[in-house]
Amino acid sequence: MGDFNAVLLAADRVNGNAVTEGETKDFDSCMDAAGLAELKSCGSYYSWSNKGQGNLRICSRIDRAIANALWHSKFVDAVVDYLPPGISDHSPLVMSWMGCVLSKGWIHVQVWTKLKAVKQGLKELHHKDFAKLDERIEGLRADLGQIQIQLASCPTDSNVQQSERDCSETLKKFLHIQESAYRQKARIQWLQVGDSNSKFFFSAMKERIARNSIDILYDDSGKKLSTTQEIQEELSSFYKKLIGTAASSLMGVDAGVVRKGKQLSAADAEMLVVPVSDAEIDAAIKGIDINKAPGLDGFNSLFFLKAWEIVNYKYIDTYLRIYACILDKTTSFLD
């Protein structure tokens, strides 16, 4: 953590000369070769300025806190606060961590609360086939190693050969399940490779958890909020202000004023209210990447793809009902 005297991204400098690829290449290559990634940060984005006035002020981000994958996994909740620089030209960097891990539970807990009829079945399936997955994999690796040691001393023994094949297939199955779980949690869409990238996915998953958490927040007056209660109260207050208060009556839209502005043509307006076909809904569902985040009910797109023949009519009917309701409220405006 400190002054690297180099920028990493095009957005790391304001005013002055534009950031070039030559400036970032060495730093970027070093980070990549060493397996380093920047820690989550808050406060000012830029860490240095020349204290110039007006357009002569140049700001850049040359101070950073970086760490390897192991460090990120050990300190998931670490955050670096870029403080005001005071009389210095550099911002002080202060790292802190909460020292606690909040368990989010299994994603399908949300499903169980809504599908009580299958709750027990899902629990039994998870306990039977997926519980203690990492321990099972380590055990299978050890078993396979012992079998292959036996096979080395008697390579023609058909029973040992079959044992090796069975153990190897079982291990591949659980490695695939583990990788699939990490892939879903990490949601790395650009990576489509095999070879059991569990270490990469685990690191990405940890980084994603860290970046999605809010550990430090500043309110409108500049006060630093760091406790869970303070952050919750500030977020609640902020969104309540955005939503506003309920009004007893609202002014209607003046159709005369609207018609004086730009309007859709009759053909375009008609196109917006064309009924959505079952085929369009079917194509849209099948076009969603299976690694996308699950919905509020806990189901991801893979579930719908696998169970589409069973749930499609209910899903399509629900969508068409919602669409019809929206259409009734907007048709008069489009006309």
Protein backbone atom coordinates (compact mmCIF):
# COMPACT_ATOMS: atom_id res chain seq x y z
CA MET A 1 0.00 0.00 0.00
CA GLY A 2 1.50 3.32 -1.04
CA ASP A 3 2.62 5.57 -3.89
CA PHE A 4 3.35 3.54 -7.05
CA ASN A 5 3.92 6.71 -9.10
CA ALA A 6 2.05 5.12 -12.01
CA VAL A 7 -1.50 5.06 -13.30
CA LEU A 8 -3.29 1.84 -14.15
CA LEU A 9 -6.42 2.93 -16.02
CA ALA A 10 -7.34 5.64 -18.53
CA ALA A 11 -9.62 7.24 -15.93
CA ASP A 12 -6.79 7.59 -13.40
CA ARG A 13 -5.89 11.14 -14.45
CA VAL A 14 -7.86 14.36 -14.83
CA ASN A 15 -6.38 17.19 -16.95
CA GLY A 16 -2.76 17.14 -18.06
CA ASN A 17 -1.68 14.63 -20.68
CA ALA A 18 -4.08 11.83 -21.55
CA VAL A 19 -3.18 8.41 -20.17
CA THR A 20 -1.48 6.26 -22.82
CA GLU A 21 -1.13 2.50 -23.09
CA GLY A 22 2.63 2.86 -22.64
CA GLU A 23 2.11 4.40 -19.18
CA THR A 24 -0.09 1.59 -17.93
CA LYS A 25 1.54 -1.40 -19.65
CA ASP A 26 4.36 -2.08 -17.17
CA PHE A 27 2.21 -1.65 -14.06
CA ASP A 28 -0.60 -3.74 -15.53
CA SER A 29 1.83 -6.51 -16.57
CA CYS A 30 3.40 -6.51 -13.10
CA MET A 31 0.00 -6.82 -11.42
CA ASP A 32 -0.98 -9.64 -13.76
CA ALA A 33 2.31 -11.56 -13.42
CA ALA A 34 2.28 -11.34 -9.63
CA GLY A 35 -1.41 -12.23 -9.33
CA LEU A 36 -2.26 -8.97 -7.59
CA ALA A 37 -5.57 -7.10 -7.44
CA GLU A 38 -6.57 -3.79 -5.93
CA LEU A 39 -8.45 -3.71 -2.64
CA LYS A 40 -11.90 -2.22 -2.41
CA SER A 41 -11.75 1.48 -1.60
CA CYS A 42 -13.93 4.43 -0.65
CA GLY A 43 -13.49 8.17 -0.33
CA SER A 44 -11.81 10.23 -3.04
CA TYR A 45 -10.96 8.38 -6.24
CA TYR A 46 -7.88 10.48 -6.99
CA SER A 47 -5.01 10.28 -4.53
CA TRP A 48 -2.68 13.03 -5.77
CA SER A 49 -2.96 16.54 -7.19
CA ASN A 50 -0.53 19.30 -8.15
CA LYS A 51 -2.66 21.82 -6.18
CA GLY A 52 -3.12 23.88 -9.35
CA GLN A 53 -5.98 26.32 -9.85
CA GLY A 54 -8.84 25.86 -12.32
CA ASN A 55 -7.96 23.86 -15.43
CA LEU A 56 -4.32 23.77 -14.34
CA ARG A 57 -5.13 21.33 -11.52
CA ILE A 58 -4.05 17.80 -12.40
CA CYS A 59 -5.38 14.91 -10.32
CA SER A 60 -4.34 11.28 -10.59
CA ARG A 61 -4.70 7.96 -8.82
CA ILE A 62 -1.15 6.80 -8.20
CA ASP A 63 -1.55 5.58 -4.59
CA ARG A 64 -3.04 2.14 -4.20
CA ALA A 65 -3.47 -0.84 -1.91
CA ILE A 66 -2.97 -4.16 -3.69
CA ALA A 67 -2.77 -7.77 -2.55
CA ASN A 68 -2.66 -11.32 -3.89
CA ALA A 69 -5.54 -13.80 -3.97
CA LEU A 70 -4.60 -15.43 -0.66
CA TRP A 71 -4.64 -12.06 1.13
CA HIS A 72 -8.00 -11.18 -0.44
CA SER A 73 -9.46 -14.49 0.75
CA LYS A 74 -8.17 -13.96 4.31
CA PHE A 75 -9.44 -10.37 4.60
CA VAL A 76 -12.64 -10.36 2.56
CA ASP A 77 -14.09 -7.32 4.32
CA ALA A 78 -10.96 -5.13 4.09
CA VAL A 79 -11.54 -1.63 2.72
CA VAL A 80 -9.14 1.25 2.05
CA ASP A 81 -10.33 4.76 2.85
CA TYR A 82 -8.83 7.58 0.74
CA LEU A 83 -8.84 10.48 3.21
CA PRO A 84 -8.68 14.23 2.39
CA PRO A 85 -5.04 15.22 1.65
CA GLY A 86 -4.89 18.21 3.98
CA ILE A 87 -1.75 20.24 3.21
CA SER A 88 -0.09 17.32 1.42
CA ASP A 89 -0.40 16.60 -2.30
CA HIS A 90 -1.18 12.94 -1.52
CA SER A 91 -4.25 11.49 0.20
CA PRO A 92 -3.52 9.29 3.24
CA LEU A 93 -4.68 5.69 2.78
CA VAL A 94 -6.16 3.97 5.84
CA MET A 95 -7.07 0.28 5.67
CA SER A 96 -9.62 -1.26 8.01
CA TRP A 97 -11.62 -4.44 8.28
CA MET A 98 -14.59 -5.45 10.37
CA GLY A 99 -13.15 -8.79 11.37
CA CYS A 100 -16.46 -10.58 11.03
CA VAL A 101 -18.06 -12.71 8.34
CA LEU A 102 -21.79 -12.50 7.69
CA SER A 103 -23.18 -15.78 6.40
CA LYS A 104 -25.63 -15.39 3.55
CA GLY A 105 -26.77 -19.00 3.67
CA TRP A 106 -27.68 -21.09 0.66
CA ILE A 107 -29.44 -19.22 -2.14
CA HIS A 108 -32.35 -21.65 -2.20
CA VAL A 109 -33.36 -20.75 1.34
CA GLN A 110 -35.50 -18.13 -0.42
CA VAL A 111 -37.06 -20.87 -2.50
CA TRP A 112 -37.90 -23.02 0.49
CA THR A 113 -39.93 -20.23 2.05
CA LYS A 114 -42.14 -20.09 -1.04
CA LEU A 115 -42.23 -23.73 -2.12
CA LYS A 116 -42.90 -25.48 1.16
CA ALA A 117 -44.19 -28.60 -0.58
CA VAL A 118 -40.70 -29.37 -1.93
CA LYS A 119 -38.75 -28.07 1.06
CA GLN A 120 -38.06 -31.46 2.57
CA GLY A 121 -37.12 -33.00 -0.76
CA LEU A 122 -34.62 -30.24 -1.52
CA LYS A 123 -33.06 -30.59 1.92
CA GLU A 124 -32.63 -34.33 1.50
CA LEU A 125 -31.18 -33.89 -2.00
CA HIS A 126 -28.69 -31.30 -0.80
CA HIS A 127 -27.65 -33.43 2.20
CA LYS A 128 -27.29 -36.59 0.12
CA ASP A 129 -25.46 -35.26 -2.94
CA PHE A 130 -23.97 -31.84 -2.22
CA ALA A 131 -23.22 -31.46 1.51
CA LYS A 132 -19.54 -31.10 2.50
CA LEU A 133 -18.52 -30.97 -1.16
CA ASP A 134 -14.91 -29.89 -0.53
CA GLU A 135 -14.37 -32.70 1.98
CA ARG A 136 -15.77 -35.26 -0.47
CA ILE A 137 -13.44 -34.06 -3.22
CA GLU A 138 -10.37 -34.24 -0.98
CA GLY A 139 -11.39 -37.72 0.12
CA LEU A 140 -11.84 -38.88 -3.48
CA ARG A 141 -8.45 -37.43 -4.44
CA ALA A 142 -6.83 -39.40 -1.63
CA ASP A 143 -8.69 -42.60 -2.61
CA LEU A 144 -7.69 -42.22 -6.24
CA GLY A 145 -4.06 -41.72 -5.23
CA GLN A 146 -4.07 -44.94 -3.17
CA ILE A 147 -5.70 -46.90 -5.99
CA GLN A 148 -3.15 -45.64 -8.50
CA ILE A 149 -0.32 -46.65 -6.16
CA GLN A 150 -1.79 -50.18 -6.14
CA LEU A 151 -2.15 -50.03 -9.92
CA ALA A 152 1.51 -49.10 -10.31
CA SER A 153 2.55 -52.38 -8.64
CA CYS A 154 0.00 -54.51 -10.52
CA PRO A 155 -0.94 -52.63 -13.73
CA THR A 156 -2.80 -55.57 -15.29
CA ASP A 157 -5.19 -56.18 -12.36
CA SER A 158 -8.65 -55.65 -13.87
CA ASN A 159 -10.32 -55.08 -10.49
CA VAL A 160 -7.90 -52.29 -9.58
CA GLN A 161 -8.33 -50.82 -13.06
CA GLN A 162 -12.09 -50.74 -12.61
CA SER A 163 -11.71 -49.17 -9.16
CA GLU A 164 -9.54 -46.44 -10.69
CA ARG A 165 -12.11 -45.76 -13.40
CA ASP A 166 -15.03 -45.62 -10.93
CA CYS A 167 -13.18 -43.35 -8.51
CA SER A 168 -11.97 -41.10 -11.33
CA GLU A 169 -15.49 -40.68 -12.74
CA THR A 170 -16.92 -39.88 -9.32
CA LEU A 171 -14.18 -37.31 -8.71
CA LYS A 172 -14.83 -35.67 -12.10
CA LYS A 173 -18.53 -35.46 -11.25
CA PHE A 174 -17.95 -33.64 -7.98
CA LEU A 175 -15.28 -31.39 -9.47
CA HIS A 176 -17.80 -30.36 -12.11
CA ILE A 177 -20.39 -29.61 -9.41
CA GLN A 178 -17.83 -27.58 -7.44
CA GLU A 179 -16.75 -25.59 -10.50
CA SER A 180 -20.36 -24.95 -11.44
CA ALA A 181 -21.09 -23.61 -7.96
CA TYR A 182 -18.05 -21.33 -7.99
CA ARG A 183 -18.84 -20.17 -11.52
CA GLN A 184 -22.38 -19.19 -10.50
CA LYS A 185 -21.18 -17.32 -7.41
CA ALA A 186 -18.33 -15.57 -9.22
CA ARG A 187 -20.40 -14.91 -12.38
CA ILE A 188 -17.37 -14.70 -14.65
CA GLN A 189 -19.14 -14.50 -17.99
CA TRP A 190 -16.06 -13.99 -20.16
CA LEU A 191 -14.33 -17.18 -19.02
CA GLN A 192 -15.52 -20.39 -20.65
CA VAL A 193 -12.78 -22.92 -19.87
CA GLY A 194 -12.63 -26.19 -17.99
CA ASP A 195 -9.73 -27.92 -16.24
CA SER A 196 -11.24 -27.32 -12.80
CA ASN A 197 -10.57 -23.59 -12.31
CA SER A 198 -11.80 -23.75 -8.72
CA LYS A 199 -8.97 -21.59 -7.36
CA PHE A 200 -9.70 -18.82 -9.84
CA PHE A 201 -13.45 -18.96 -9.25
CA PHE A 202 -13.00 -19.00 -5.48
CA SER A 203 -10.84 -15.87 -5.66
CA ALA A 204 -13.32 -14.14 -7.95
CA MET A 205 -16.18 -15.09 -5.65
CA LYS A 206 -14.35 -13.65 -2.64
CA GLU A 207 -13.59 -10.45 -4.52
CA ARG A 208 -17.22 -10.13 -5.60
CA ILE A 209 -18.46 -10.53 -2.02
CA ALA A 210 -16.02 -7.85 -0.86
CA ARG A 211 -16.98 -5.38 -3.58
CA ASN A 212 -20.70 -5.89 -2.99
CA SER A 213 -20.44 -5.02 0.70
CA ILE A 214 -20.66 -1.48 2.10
CA ASP A 215 -18.25 -1.04 5.01
CA ILE A 216 -17.80 2.75 5.04
CA LEU A 217 -20.19 5.49 3.98
CA TYR A 218 -20.19 9.29 4.14
CA ASP A 219 -23.41 11.24 4.73
CA ASP A 220 -24.34 14.60 3.20
CA SER A 221 -22.43 16.51 5.86
CA GLY A 222 -19.24 14.50 5.25
CA LYS A 223 -19.50 12.47 8.44
CA LYS A 224 -17.91 9.03 8.19
CA LEU A 225 -20.25 6.13 8.98
CA SER A 226 -18.65 2.77 9.73
CA THR A 227 -21.02 0.79 11.95
CA THR A 228 -23.71 -1.43 10.50
CA GLN A 229 -26.49 0.49 12.23
CA GLU A 230 -25.24 3.88 11.01
CA ILE A 231 -24.96 2.65 7.42
CA GLN A 232 -28.42 1.06 7.50
CA GLU A 233 -30.02 4.23 8.88
CA GLU A 234 -28.29 6.44 6.29
CA LEU A 235 -29.32 4.19 3.37
CA SER A 236 -32.91 4.05 4.62
CA SER A 237 -33.02 7.85 5.03
CA PHE A 238 -31.48 8.45 1.59
CA TYR A 239 -34.00 6.31 -0.30
CA LYS A 240 -36.93 7.65 1.70
CA LYS A 241 -35.96 11.13 0.48
CA LEU A 242 -35.86 9.87 -3.12
CA ILE A 243 -39.27 8.25 -2.85
CA GLY A 244 -40.80 11.36 -1.30
CA THR A 245 -44.18 11.58 0.42
CA ALA A 246 -47.63 10.50 -0.70
CA ALA A 247 -49.78 13.16 -2.37
CA SER A 248 -53.57 13.30 -2.09
CA SER A 249 -53.88 14.33 -5.73
CA LEU A 250 -51.62 14.66 -8.77
CA MET A 251 -51.81 16.95 -11.78
CA GLY A 252 -52.90 15.24 -14.97
CA VAL A 253 -50.94 15.27 -18.23
CA ASP A 254 -51.99 18.12 -20.54
CA ALA A 255 -52.60 16.35 -23.85
CA GLY A 256 -52.43 19.66 -25.74
CA VAL A 257 -48.92 20.37 -24.48
CA VAL A 258 -47.80 16.81 -25.26
CA ARG A 259 -49.06 17.01 -28.85
CA LYS A 260 -47.00 20.16 -29.49
CA GLY A 261 -43.79 18.22 -28.83
CA LYS A 262 -42.23 15.27 -30.64
CA GLN A 263 -44.55 12.29 -30.95
CA LEU A 264 -44.43 8.74 -32.17
CA SER A 265 -45.89 8.06 -35.55
CA ALA A 266 -49.08 6.02 -35.71
CA ALA A 267 -47.11 3.04 -37.03
CA ASP A 268 -44.55 3.24 -34.19
CA ALA A 269 -47.29 3.61 -31.58
CA GLU A 270 -49.05 0.57 -33.01
CA MET A 271 -45.81 -1.43 -32.89
CA LEU A 272 -45.41 -0.72 -29.16
CA VAL A 273 -48.77 -2.32 -28.35
CA VAL A 274 -48.42 -5.40 -30.55
CA PRO A 275 -49.10 -8.47 -28.37
CA VAL A 276 -46.02 -10.41 -27.30
CA SER A 277 -46.03 -13.91 -28.75
CA ASP A 278 -45.24 -17.14 -26.88
CA ALA A 279 -42.31 -17.69 -29.27
CA GLU A 280 -40.76 -14.34 -28.29
CA ILE A 281 -40.97 -15.18 -24.59
CA ASP A 282 -39.54 -18.64 -25.27
CA ALA A 283 -36.61 -17.17 -27.23
CA ALA A 284 -35.92 -14.54 -24.57
CA ILE A 285 -35.75 -17.12 -21.76
CA LYS A 286 -33.48 -19.43 -23.74
CA GLY A 287 -31.20 -16.50 -24.59
CA ILE A 288 -30.29 -15.76 -20.96
CA ASP A 289 -26.80 -16.89 -19.93
CA ILE A 290 -26.98 -19.69 -17.35
CA ASN A 291 -24.41 -17.89 -15.15
CA LYS A 292 -26.56 -14.80 -14.71
CA ALA A 293 -27.64 -13.87 -11.19
CA PRO A 294 -30.79 -15.62 -9.90
CA GLY A 295 -34.04 -13.73 -9.54
CA LEU A 296 -35.68 -12.68 -6.29
CA ASP A 297 -37.15 -16.16 -5.92
CA GLY A 298 -33.68 -17.77 -5.97
CA PHE A 299 -34.06 -19.48 -9.35
CA ASN A 300 -31.51 -18.78 -12.08
CA SER A 301 -31.97 -19.17 -15.83
CA LEU A 302 -30.54 -22.71 -15.80
CA PHE A 303 -33.50 -23.88 -13.74
CA PHE A 304 -35.97 -22.48 -16.26
CA LEU A 305 -34.07 -23.98 -19.18
CA LYS A 306 -34.10 -27.44 -17.57
CA ALA A 307 -37.73 -27.22 -16.43
CA TRP A 308 -39.12 -25.13 -19.30
CA GLU A 309 -41.38 -27.89 -20.62
CA ILE A 310 -43.05 -28.02 -17.19
CA VAL A 311 -43.23 -24.36 -16.16
CA ASN A 312 -43.42 -22.56 -19.51
CA TYR A 313 -47.20 -22.23 -19.68
CA LYS A 314 -47.40 -20.74 -16.17
CA TYR A 315 -44.50 -18.39 -16.83
CA ILE A 316 -45.89 -17.21 -20.17
CA ASP A 317 -49.38 -16.77 -18.75
CA THR A 318 -48.04 -14.67 -15.85
CA TYR A 319 -46.00 -12.47 -18.17
CA LEU A 320 -48.93 -11.90 -20.55
CA ARG A 321 -51.17 -10.92 -17.63
CA ILE A 322 -48.61 -8.36 -16.45
CA TYR A 323 -48.11 -7.10 -19.99
CA ALA A 324 -51.86 -6.70 -20.51
CA CYS A 325 -52.15 -4.71 -17.28
CA ILE A 326 -49.34 -2.35 -18.33
CA LEU A 327 -50.78 -2.07 -21.82
CA ASP A 328 -54.17 -0.94 -20.52
CA LYS A 329 -52.53 1.93 -18.62
CA THR A 330 -50.29 3.10 -21.49
CA THR A 331 -52.50 2.73 -24.56
CA SER A 332 -54.42 5.93 -23.89
CA PHE A 333 -51.16 7.87 -23.51
CA LEU A 334 -49.77 6.52 -26.80
CA ASP A 335 -53.01 7.43 -28.54
